Amino acid sequence: MDRLESLNSLSSLPHMSASSASHTIPPPDPDALLNEAQSATFLGFTPRALQAWRQRGGGPLFVRVSSRAIRYRRRDLIAWAEAKLVESTSDTGAV
């Protein structure tokens, strides 16, 4: 199972009983706004990579909350990663 599949499978985990509610992780909200560090960790890149993609393009969609606050929707990070899937090194990515 690759990283993207394992991240998506978290939402299908069964919920635990109320007695163990303090140890449960809520299902991921696809519209949750993640900060730059969280987004970089989610994708497996550095925050600097996200900054570079914002400047030159080619990265995931982002929300500019203010001039100094950038956020990413979880669903946009997943969509961006899925759009990058290829089958071989000679694959151009056009599906």
C-alpha atoms as a PDB file:
ATOM      1  CA  MET A   1       0.000   0.000   0.000  1.00  0.00           C
ATOM      2  CA  ASP A   2       1.503   3.331  -0.991  1.00  0.00           C
ATOM      3  CA  ARG A   3       1.502   6.471   1.165  1.00  0.00           C
ATOM      4  CA  LEU A   4      -1.526   8.042  -0.545  1.00  0.00           C
ATOM      5  CA  GLU A   5      -3.625   4.895  -0.156  1.00  0.00           C
ATOM      6  CA  SER A   6      -2.669   4.594   3.498  1.00  0.00           C
ATOM      7  CA  LEU A   7      -3.631   8.234   4.128  1.00  0.00           C
ATOM      8  CA  ASN A   8      -6.980   7.776   2.403  1.00  0.00           C
ATOM      9  CA  SER A   9      -7.661   4.540   4.276  1.00  0.00           C
ATOM     10  CA  LEU A  10      -7.649   6.414   7.586  1.00  0.00           C
ATOM     11  CA  SER A  11     -11.149   7.674   6.860  1.00  0.00           C
ATOM     12  CA  SER A  12     -12.483   4.129   6.537  1.00  0.00           C
ATOM     13  CA  LEU A  13     -11.228   2.944   9.920  1.00  0.00           C
ATOM     14  CA  PRO A  14     -14.015   1.779  12.255  1.00  0.00           C
ATOM     15  CA  HIS A  15     -14.888   4.146  15.065  1.00  0.00           C
ATOM     16  CA  MET A  16     -14.047   3.023  18.581  1.00  0.00           C
ATOM     17  CA  SER A  17     -16.475   2.714  21.455  1.00  0.00           C
ATOM     18  CA  ALA A  18     -17.320   5.659  23.690  1.00  0.00           C
ATOM     19  CA  SER A  19     -15.139   4.207  26.460  1.00  0.00           C
ATOM     20  CA  SER A  20     -12.053   4.694  24.290  1.00  0.00           C
ATOM     21  CA  ALA A  21     -13.196   8.002  22.812  1.00  0.00           C
ATOM     22  CA  SER A  22     -10.266   9.890  24.317  1.00  0.00           C
ATOM     23  CA  HIS A  23      -7.901   7.807  22.160  1.00  0.00           C
ATOM     24  CA  THR A  24      -9.786   8.062  18.881  1.00  0.00           C
ATOM     25  CA  ILE A  25      -8.716  10.147  15.937  1.00  0.00           C
ATOM     26  CA  PRO A  26     -11.616  11.855  14.195  1.00  0.00           C
ATOM     27  CA  PRO A  27     -12.073  11.014  10.530  1.00  0.00           C
ATOM     28  CA  PRO A  28     -10.074  13.434   8.389  1.00  0.00           C
ATOM     29  CA  ASP A  29     -12.118  16.370   7.149  1.00  0.00           C
ATOM     30  CA  PRO A  30     -11.412  16.846   3.421  1.00  0.00           C
ATOM     31  CA  ASP A  31     -12.051  20.580   3.748  1.00  0.00           C
ATOM     32  CA  ALA A  32      -9.869  21.059   6.828  1.00  0.00           C
ATOM     33  CA  LEU A  33      -7.289  23.796   6.377  1.00  0.00           C
ATOM     34  CA  LEU A  34      -3.750  22.654   7.100  1.00  0.00           C
ATOM     35  CA  ASN A  35      -0.886  25.043   7.697  1.00  0.00           C
ATOM     36  CA  GLU A  36       2.293  24.885   5.653  1.00  0.00           C
ATOM     37  CA  ALA A  37       4.178  22.573   8.032  1.00  0.00           C
ATOM     38  CA  GLN A  38       1.235  20.160   8.317  1.00  0.00           C
ATOM     39  CA  SER A  39       0.783  20.161   4.544  1.00  0.00           C
ATOM     40  CA  ALA A  40       4.468  19.514   3.919  1.00  0.00           C
ATOM     41  CA  THR A  41       4.421  16.606   6.379  1.00  0.00           C
ATOM     42  CA  PHE A  42       1.228  15.224   4.828  1.00  0.00           C
ATOM     43  CA  LEU A  43       2.861  15.218   1.360  1.00  0.00           C
ATOM     44  CA  GLY A  44       6.316  14.151   2.529  1.00  0.00           C
ATOM     45  CA  PHE A  45       8.063  17.330   1.355  1.00  0.00           C
ATOM     46  CA  THR A  46       9.624  20.307   3.100  1.00  0.00           C
ATOM     47  CA  PRO A  47       7.840  23.603   3.708  1.00  0.00           C
ATOM     48  CA  ARG A  48      10.461  25.168   1.411  1.00  0.00           C
ATOM     49  CA  ALA A  49       9.253  22.968  -1.465  1.00  0.00           C
ATOM     50  CA  LEU A  50       5.699  24.239  -0.959  1.00  0.00           C
ATOM     51  CA  GLN A  51       6.979  27.828  -0.909  1.00  0.00           C
ATOM     52  CA  ALA A  52       8.855  27.291  -4.168  1.00  0.00           C
ATOM     53  CA  TRP A  53       5.790  25.760  -5.847  1.00  0.00           C
ATOM     54  CA  ARG A  54       3.643  28.699  -4.730  1.00  0.00           C
ATOM     55  CA  GLN A  55       6.092  31.131  -6.323  1.00  0.00           C
ATOM     56  CA  ARG A  56       6.680  29.347  -9.623  1.00  0.00           C
ATOM     57  CA  GLY A  57       3.498  27.283  -9.896  1.00  0.00           C
ATOM     58  CA  GLY A  58       3.018  23.553 -10.231  1.00  0.00           C
ATOM     59  CA  GLY A  59       2.167  22.845  -6.606  1.00  0.00           C
ATOM     60  CA  PRO A  60      -1.130  22.110  -4.912  1.00  0.00           C
ATOM     61  CA  LEU A  61      -3.865  24.727  -4.730  1.00  0.00           C
ATOM     62  CA  PHE A  62      -3.678  26.890  -1.627  1.00  0.00           C
ATOM     63  CA  VAL A  63      -5.731  29.415   0.331  1.00  0.00           C
ATOM     64  CA  ARG A  64      -4.193  32.813   1.036  1.00  0.00           C
ATOM     65  CA  VAL A  65      -5.845  33.705   4.337  1.00  0.00           C
ATOM     66  CA  SER A  66      -3.705  36.845   4.642  1.00  0.00           C
ATOM     67  CA  SER A  67      -0.397  38.065   3.259  1.00  0.00           C
ATOM     68  CA  ARG A  68       1.446  35.892   5.786  1.00  0.00           C
ATOM     69  CA  ALA A  69      -0.994  33.031   6.340  1.00  0.00           C
ATOM     70  CA  ILE A  70      -1.200  30.267   3.742  1.00  0.00           C
ATOM     71  CA  ARG A  71      -3.355  27.186   4.189  1.00  0.00           C
ATOM     72  CA  TYR A  72      -4.008  24.069   2.136  1.00  0.00           C
ATOM     73  CA  ARG A  73      -7.210  22.027   1.980  1.00  0.00           C
ATOM     74  CA  ARG A  74      -6.597  18.346   2.568  1.00  0.00           C
ATOM     75  CA  ARG A  75      -8.650  17.457  -0.506  1.00  0.00           C
ATOM     76  CA  ASP A  76      -6.457  19.711  -2.701  1.00  0.00           C
ATOM     77  CA  LEU A  77      -3.286  18.043  -1.433  1.00  0.00           C
ATOM     78  CA  ILE A  78      -4.696  14.608  -2.264  1.00  0.00           C
ATOM     79  CA  ALA A  79      -5.922  15.750  -5.694  1.00  0.00           C
ATOM     80  CA  TRP A  80      -2.512  17.241  -6.501  1.00  0.00           C
ATOM     81  CA  ALA A  81      -0.725  14.028  -5.494  1.00  0.00           C
ATOM     82  CA  GLU A  82      -3.154  11.886  -7.500  1.00  0.00           C
ATOM     83  CA  ALA A  83      -2.620  14.096 -10.570  1.00  0.00           C
ATOM     84  CA  LYS A  84       1.109  13.312 -10.304  1.00  0.00           C
ATOM     85  CA  LEU A  85       0.656   9.526 -10.499  1.00  0.00           C
ATOM     86  CA  VAL A  86       2.598   7.797 -13.292  1.00  0.00           C
ATOM     87  CA  GLU A  87       3.229   4.167 -14.178  1.00  0.00           C
ATOM     88  CA  SER A  88       6.822   4.413 -15.364  1.00  0.00           C
ATOM     89  CA  THR A  89       9.662   6.874 -15.750  1.00  0.00           C
ATOM     90  CA  SER A  90       8.760   7.300 -19.417  1.00  0.00           C
ATOM     91  CA  ASP A  91       5.162   8.181 -18.546  1.00  0.00           C
ATOM     92  CA  THR A  92       4.463  11.885 -19.129  1.00  0.00           C
ATOM     93  CA  GLY A  93       1.647  11.924 -16.590  1.00  0.00           C
ATOM     94  CA  ALA A  94      -1.068  12.437 -19.200  1.00  0.00           C
ATOM     95  CA  VAL A  95      -3.855  10.015 -18.359  1.00  0.00           C
END
